[in-house]
Amino acid sequence: MTDTGFLYDPVCLAHRTGRGHEERPERLRAILRRLQASGLLERLDAIAPAPATRPQIELVHEPAYI
């Protein structure tokens, strides 16, 4: 493996940010297709996602937002 990780779970495809937003399932599918076609995907270290803890979330969001 490499020193480069790839965090992914199919649940990511359910993340819908609204019309016109760049983060959307179609973009993620295109990235996955490109990684697979290039052979790069199997060279990446797979990282399983895990729910963030509240302290982790507070590193990037104000407590009032949470």
PDB file of N, CA and C in Angstrom:
ATOM      1  N   MET A   1       0.822  -1.188   0.000  1.00  0.00           N
ATOM      2  CA  MET A   1       0.000   0.000   0.000  1.00  0.00           C
ATOM      3  C   MET A   1       0.869   1.257   0.000  1.00  0.00           C
ATOM      4  N   THR A   2       0.214   2.383  -0.010  1.00  0.00           N
ATOM      5  CA  THR A   2       0.907   3.676  -0.078  1.00  0.00           C
ATOM      6  C   THR A   2       0.686   4.443   1.225  1.00  0.00           C
ATOM      7  N   ASP A   3       1.174   5.634   1.231  1.00  0.00           N
ATOM      8  CA  ASP A   3       0.930   6.534   2.364  1.00  0.00           C
ATOM      9  C   ASP A   3      -0.296   7.401   2.116  1.00  0.00           C
ATOM     10  N   THR A   4      -1.052   7.085   1.089  1.00  0.00           N
ATOM     11  CA  THR A   4      -2.237   7.868   0.747  1.00  0.00           C
ATOM     12  C   THR A   4      -3.485   7.054   1.050  1.00  0.00           C
ATOM     13  N   GLY A   5      -4.357   7.628   1.854  1.00  0.00           N
ATOM     14  CA  GLY A   5      -5.583   6.943   2.223  1.00  0.00           C
ATOM     15  C   GLY A   5      -6.762   7.419   1.404  1.00  0.00           C
ATOM     16  N   PHE A   6      -7.780   6.590   1.351  1.00  0.00           N
ATOM     17  CA  PHE A   6      -9.012   6.910   0.640  1.00  0.00           C
ATOM     18  C   PHE A   6     -10.168   6.515   1.536  1.00  0.00           C
ATOM     19  N   LEU A   7     -10.884   7.500   2.023  1.00  0.00           N
ATOM     20  CA  LEU A   7     -12.022   7.260   2.897  1.00  0.00           C
ATOM     21  C   LEU A   7     -13.285   7.304   2.047  1.00  0.00           C
ATOM     22  N   TYR A   8     -14.023   6.207   2.082  1.00  0.00           N
ATOM     23  CA  TYR A   8     -15.246   6.123   1.282  1.00  0.00           C
ATOM     24  C   TYR A   8     -16.181   5.085   1.881  1.00  0.00           C
ATOM     25  N   ASP A   9     -17.461   5.377   1.736  1.00  0.00           N
ATOM     26  CA  ASP A   9     -18.523   4.435   2.079  1.00  0.00           C
ATOM     27  C   ASP A   9     -19.673   4.736   1.133  1.00  0.00           C
ATOM     28  N   PRO A  10     -20.399   3.739   0.655  1.00  0.00           N
ATOM     29  CA  PRO A  10     -21.519   4.004  -0.248  1.00  0.00           C
ATOM     30  C   PRO A  10     -22.555   4.982   0.325  1.00  0.00           C
ATOM     31  N   VAL A  11     -22.624   5.101   1.634  1.00  0.00           N
ATOM     32  CA  VAL A  11     -23.569   6.043   2.228  1.00  0.00           C
ATOM     33  C   VAL A  11     -23.255   7.487   1.783  1.00  0.00           C
ATOM     34  N   CYS A  12     -22.018   7.739   1.366  1.00  0.00           N
ATOM     35  CA  CYS A  12     -21.643   9.074   0.880  1.00  0.00           C
ATOM     36  C   CYS A  12     -22.490   9.486  -0.325  1.00  0.00           C
ATOM     37  N   LEU A  13     -22.960   8.506  -1.083  1.00  0.00           N
ATOM     38  CA  LEU A  13     -23.775   8.805  -2.260  1.00  0.00           C
ATOM     39  C   LEU A  13     -25.148   9.353  -1.883  1.00  0.00           C
ATOM     40  N   ALA A  14     -25.545   9.216  -0.637  1.00  0.00           N
ATOM     41  CA  ALA A  14     -26.844   9.731  -0.180  1.00  0.00           C
ATOM     42  C   ALA A  14     -26.749  11.186   0.265  1.00  0.00           C
ATOM     43  N   HIS A  15     -25.540  11.735   0.312  1.00  0.00           N
ATOM     44  CA  HIS A  15     -25.347  13.123   0.752  1.00  0.00           C
ATOM     45  C   HIS A  15     -25.757  14.067  -0.367  1.00  0.00           C
ATOM     46  N   ARG A  16     -26.862  14.730  -0.179  1.00  0.00           N
ATOM     47  CA  ARG A  16     -27.397  15.640  -1.197  1.00  0.00           C
ATOM     48  C   ARG A  16     -27.357  17.058  -0.649  1.00  0.00           C
ATOM     49  N   THR A  17     -26.591  17.910  -1.312  1.00  0.00           N
ATOM     50  CA  THR A  17     -26.375  19.270  -0.831  1.00  0.00           C
ATOM     51  C   THR A  17     -27.229  20.306  -1.543  1.00  0.00           C
ATOM     52  N   GLY A  18     -27.988  19.880  -2.526  1.00  0.00           N
ATOM     53  CA  GLY A  18     -28.859  20.810  -3.236  1.00  0.00           C
ATOM     54  C   GLY A  18     -28.374  21.081  -4.654  1.00  0.00           C
ATOM     55  N   ARG A  19     -29.278  21.525  -5.443  1.00  0.00           N
ATOM     56  CA  ARG A  19     -29.029  21.788  -6.861  1.00  0.00           C
ATOM     57  C   ARG A  19     -27.877  22.780  -7.052  1.00  0.00           C
ATOM     58  N   GLY A  20     -26.965  22.420  -7.941  1.00  0.00           N
ATOM     59  CA  GLY A  20     -25.879  23.310  -8.292  1.00  0.00           C
ATOM     60  C   GLY A  20     -24.652  23.234  -7.395  1.00  0.00           C
ATOM     61  N   HIS A  21     -24.755  22.532  -6.282  1.00  0.00           N
ATOM     62  CA  HIS A  21     -23.602  22.418  -5.376  1.00  0.00           C
ATOM     63  C   HIS A  21     -22.630  21.391  -5.949  1.00  0.00           C
ATOM     64  N   GLU A  22     -21.336  21.691  -5.850  1.00  0.00           N
ATOM     65  CA  GLU A  22     -20.343  20.785  -6.446  1.00  0.00           C
ATOM     66  C   GLU A  22     -20.231  19.447  -5.734  1.00  0.00           C
ATOM     67  N   GLU A  23     -20.558  19.378  -4.457  1.00  0.00           N
ATOM     68  CA  GLU A  23     -20.515  18.106  -3.734  1.00  0.00           C
ATOM     69  C   GLU A  23     -21.837  17.380  -3.949  1.00  0.00           C
ATOM     70  N   ARG A  24     -21.818  16.405  -4.834  1.00  0.00           N
ATOM     71  CA  ARG A  24     -23.033  15.664  -5.158  1.00  0.00           C
ATOM     72  C   ARG A  24     -22.662  14.242  -5.559  1.00  0.00           C
ATOM     73  N   PRO A  25     -23.614  13.328  -5.506  1.00  0.00           N
ATOM     74  CA  PRO A  25     -23.317  11.919  -5.806  1.00  0.00           C
ATOM     75  C   PRO A  25     -22.680  11.708  -7.181  1.00  0.00           C
ATOM     76  N   GLU A  26     -23.104  12.457  -8.185  1.00  0.00           N
ATOM     77  CA  GLU A  26     -22.562  12.272  -9.534  1.00  0.00           C
ATOM     78  C   GLU A  26     -21.058  12.553  -9.564  1.00  0.00           C
ATOM     79  N   ARG A  27     -20.631  13.558  -8.815  1.00  0.00           N
ATOM     80  CA  ARG A  27     -19.209  13.896  -8.766  1.00  0.00           C
ATOM     81  C   ARG A  27     -18.417  12.766  -8.100  1.00  0.00           C
ATOM     82  N   LEU A  28     -18.954  12.233  -7.012  1.00  0.00           N
ATOM     83  CA  LEU A  28     -18.280  11.146  -6.317  1.00  0.00           C
ATOM     84  C   LEU A  28     -18.210   9.896  -7.195  1.00  0.00           C
ATOM     85  N   ARG A  29     -19.296   9.595  -7.900  1.00  0.00           N
ATOM     86  CA  ARG A  29     -19.274   8.433  -8.808  1.00  0.00           C
ATOM     87  C   ARG A  29     -18.215   8.620  -9.895  1.00  0.00           C
ATOM     88  N   ALA A  30     -18.096   9.829 -10.428  1.00  0.00           N
ATOM     89  CA  ALA A  30     -17.099  10.111 -11.472  1.00  0.00           C
ATOM     90  C   ALA A  30     -15.685   9.928 -10.918  1.00  0.00           C
ATOM     91  N   ILE A  31     -15.445  10.377  -9.702  1.00  0.00           N
ATOM     92  CA  ILE A  31     -14.133  10.206  -9.073  1.00  0.00           C
ATOM     93  C   ILE A  31     -13.825   8.718  -8.901  1.00  0.00           C
ATOM     94  N   LEU A  32     -14.791   7.959  -8.405  1.00  0.00           N
ATOM     95  CA  LEU A  32     -14.588   6.521  -8.212  1.00  0.00           C
ATOM     96  C   LEU A  32     -14.292   5.815  -9.535  1.00  0.00           C
ATOM     97  N   ARG A  33     -15.045   6.164 -10.579  1.00  0.00           N
ATOM     98  CA  ARG A  33     -14.807   5.555 -11.896  1.00  0.00           C
ATOM     99  C   ARG A  33     -13.394   5.862 -12.379  1.00  0.00           C
ATOM    100  N   ARG A  34     -12.966   7.091 -12.212  1.00  0.00           N
ATOM    101  CA  ARG A  34     -11.640   7.497 -12.683  1.00  0.00           C
ATOM    102  C   ARG A  34     -10.531   6.787 -11.899  1.00  0.00           C
ATOM    103  N   LEU A  35     -10.708   6.695 -10.572  1.00  0.00           N
ATOM    104  CA  LEU A  35      -9.718   5.991  -9.757  1.00  0.00           C
ATOM    105  C   LEU A  35      -9.621   4.521 -10.154  1.00  0.00           C
ATOM    106  N   GLN A  36     -10.772   3.889 -10.407  1.00  0.00           N
ATOM    107  CA  GLN A  36     -10.780   2.485 -10.807  1.00  0.00           C
ATOM    108  C   GLN A  36     -10.154   2.304 -12.184  1.00  0.00           C
ATOM    109  N   ALA A  37     -10.524   3.155 -13.137  1.00  0.00           N
ATOM    110  CA  ALA A  37     -10.022   3.035 -14.507  1.00  0.00           C
ATOM    111  C   ALA A  37      -8.507   3.242 -14.574  1.00  0.00           C
ATOM    112  N   SER A  38      -7.981   4.093 -13.716  1.00  0.00           N
ATOM    113  CA  SER A  38      -6.548   4.387 -13.737  1.00  0.00           C
ATOM    114  C   SER A  38      -5.719   3.347 -12.988  1.00  0.00           C
ATOM    115  N   GLY A  39      -6.385   2.494 -12.202  1.00  0.00           N
ATOM    116  CA  GLY A  39      -5.674   1.511 -11.395  1.00  0.00           C
ATOM    117  C   GLY A  39      -5.177   2.081 -10.073  1.00  0.00           C
ATOM    118  N   LEU A  40      -5.467   3.336  -9.835  1.00  0.00           N
ATOM    119  CA  LEU A  40      -4.996   3.987  -8.616  1.00  0.00           C
ATOM    120  C   LEU A  40      -5.768   3.527  -7.376  1.00  0.00           C
ATOM    121  N   LEU A  41      -7.040   3.216  -7.522  1.00  0.00           N
ATOM    122  CA  LEU A  41      -7.870   2.872  -6.369  1.00  0.00           C
ATOM    123  C   LEU A  41      -7.280   1.727  -5.555  1.00  0.00           C
ATOM    124  N   GLU A  42      -6.806   0.692  -6.236  1.00  0.00           N
ATOM    125  CA  GLU A  42      -6.262  -0.448  -5.486  1.00  0.00           C
ATOM    126  C   GLU A  42      -4.899  -0.156  -4.876  1.00  0.00           C
ATOM    127  N   ARG A  43      -4.293   0.971  -5.216  1.00  0.00           N
ATOM    128  CA  ARG A  43      -3.011   1.353  -4.620  1.00  0.00           C
ATOM    129  C   ARG A  43      -3.182   2.248  -3.392  1.00  0.00           C
ATOM    130  N   LEU A  44      -4.404   2.655  -3.106  1.00  0.00           N
ATOM    131  CA  LEU A  44      -4.674   3.526  -1.961  1.00  0.00           C
ATOM    132  C   LEU A  44      -5.002   2.698  -0.730  1.00  0.00           C
ATOM    133  N   ASP A  45      -4.691   3.251   0.429  1.00  0.00           N
ATOM    134  CA  ASP A  45      -5.060   2.595   1.688  1.00  0.00           C
ATOM    135  C   ASP A  45      -6.525   2.906   1.982  1.00  0.00           C
ATOM    136  N   ALA A  46      -7.353   1.879   2.050  1.00  0.00           N
ATOM    137  CA  ALA A  46      -8.774   2.067   2.344  1.00  0.00           C
ATOM    138  C   ALA A  46      -8.939   2.439   3.818  1.00  0.00           C
ATOM    139  N   ILE A  47      -9.715   3.470   4.047  1.00  0.00           N
ATOM    140  CA  ILE A  47      -9.998   3.915   5.410  1.00  0.00           C
ATOM    141  C   ILE A  47     -11.510   3.840   5.610  1.00  0.00           C
ATOM    142  N   ALA A  48     -11.930   3.100   6.611  1.00  0.00           N
ATOM    143  CA  ALA A  48     -13.359   2.990   6.909  1.00  0.00           C
ATOM    144  C   ALA A  48     -13.806   4.224   7.695  1.00  0.00           C
ATOM    145  N   PRO A  49     -14.886   4.863   7.260  1.00  0.00           N
ATOM    146  CA  PRO A  49     -15.367   6.020   8.001  1.00  0.00           C
ATOM    147  C   PRO A  49     -15.971   5.611   9.339  1.00  0.00           C
ATOM    148  N   ALA A  50     -15.930   6.532  10.272  1.00  0.00           N
ATOM    149  CA  ALA A  50     -16.526   6.314  11.589  1.00  0.00           C
ATOM    150  C   ALA A  50     -17.213   7.611  12.010  1.00  0.00           C
ATOM    151  N   PRO A  51     -18.264   7.508  12.781  1.00  0.00           N
ATOM    152  CA  PRO A  51     -18.929   8.734  13.246  1.00  0.00           C
ATOM    153  C   PRO A  51     -17.954   9.629  14.018  1.00  0.00           C
ATOM    154  N   ALA A  52     -18.070  10.910  13.781  1.00  0.00           N
ATOM    155  CA  ALA A  52     -17.224  11.874  14.497  1.00  0.00           C
ATOM    156  C   ALA A  52     -17.741  12.057  15.920  1.00  0.00           C
ATOM    157  N   THR A  53     -16.817  12.270  16.819  1.00  0.00           N
ATOM    158  CA  THR A  53     -17.197  12.585  18.196  1.00  0.00           C
ATOM    159  C   THR A  53     -17.538  14.063  18.279  1.00  0.00           C
ATOM    160  N   ARG A  54     -18.252  14.452  19.311  1.00  0.00           N
ATOM    161  CA  ARG A  54     -18.578  15.866  19.467  1.00  0.00           C
ATOM    162  C   ARG A  54     -17.311  16.735  19.528  1.00  0.00           C
ATOM    163  N   PRO A  55     -16.276  16.347  20.301  1.00  0.00           N
ATOM    164  CA  PRO A  55     -15.051  17.163  20.295  1.00  0.00           C
ATOM    165  C   PRO A  55     -14.432  17.310  18.901  1.00  0.00           C
ATOM    166  N   GLN A  56     -14.501  16.269  18.094  1.00  0.00           N
ATOM    167  CA  GLN A  56     -13.977  16.369  16.734  1.00  0.00           C
ATOM    168  C   GLN A  56     -14.791  17.359  15.903  1.00  0.00           C
ATOM    169  N   ILE A  57     -16.101  17.298  16.037  1.00  0.00           N
ATOM    170  CA  ILE A  57     -16.975  18.216  15.293  1.00  0.00           C
ATOM    171  C   ILE A  57     -16.719  19.650  15.726  1.00  0.00           C
ATOM    172  N   GLU A  58     -16.483  19.851  17.035  1.00  0.00           N
ATOM    173  CA  GLU A  58     -16.254  21.194  17.549  1.00  0.00           C
ATOM    174  C   GLU A  58     -14.919  21.784  17.068  1.00  0.00           C
ATOM    175  N   LEU A  59     -14.057  20.953  16.511  1.00  0.00           N
ATOM    176  CA  LEU A  59     -12.820  21.482  15.932  1.00  0.00           C
ATOM    177  C   LEU A  59     -13.097  22.333  14.692  1.00  0.00           C
ATOM    178  N   VAL A  60     -14.213  22.071  14.029  1.00  0.00           N
ATOM    179  CA  VAL A  60     -14.524  22.794  12.793  1.00  0.00           C
ATOM    180  C   VAL A  60     -15.862  23.530  12.815  1.00  0.00           C
ATOM    181  N   HIS A  61     -16.669  23.329  13.872  1.00  0.00           N
ATOM    182  CA  HIS A  61     -17.964  24.008  13.979  1.00  0.00           C
ATOM    183  C   HIS A  61     -18.128  24.590  15.378  1.00  0.00           C
ATOM    184  N   GLU A  62     -18.775  25.722  15.433  1.00  0.00           N
ATOM    185  CA  GLU A  62     -19.117  26.317  16.723  1.00  0.00           C
ATOM    186  C   GLU A  62     -20.107  25.420  17.448  1.00  0.00           C
ATOM    187  N   PRO A  63     -19.992  25.290  18.761  1.00  0.00           N
ATOM    188  CA  PRO A  63     -20.941  24.447  19.525  1.00  0.00           C
ATOM    189  C   PRO A  63     -22.394  24.820  19.271  1.00  0.00           C
ATOM    190  N   ALA A  64     -22.691  26.101  19.090  1.00  0.00           N
ATOM    191  CA  ALA A  64     -24.075  26.523  18.840  1.00  0.00           C
ATOM    192  C   ALA A  64     -24.605  25.956  17.511  1.00  0.00           C
ATOM    193  N   TYR A  65     -23.724  25.730  16.562  1.00  0.00           N
ATOM    194  CA  TYR A  65     -24.115  25.178  15.272  1.00  0.00           C
ATOM    195  C   TYR A  65     -24.519  23.714  15.392  1.00  0.00           C
ATOM    196  N   ILE A  66     -23.855  23.010  16.293  1.00  0.00           N
ATOM    197  CA  ILE A  66     -24.094  21.592  16.475  1.00  0.00           C
ATOM    198  C   ILE A  66     -25.422  21.383  17.170  1.00  0.00           C
TER     199      ILE A  66
END
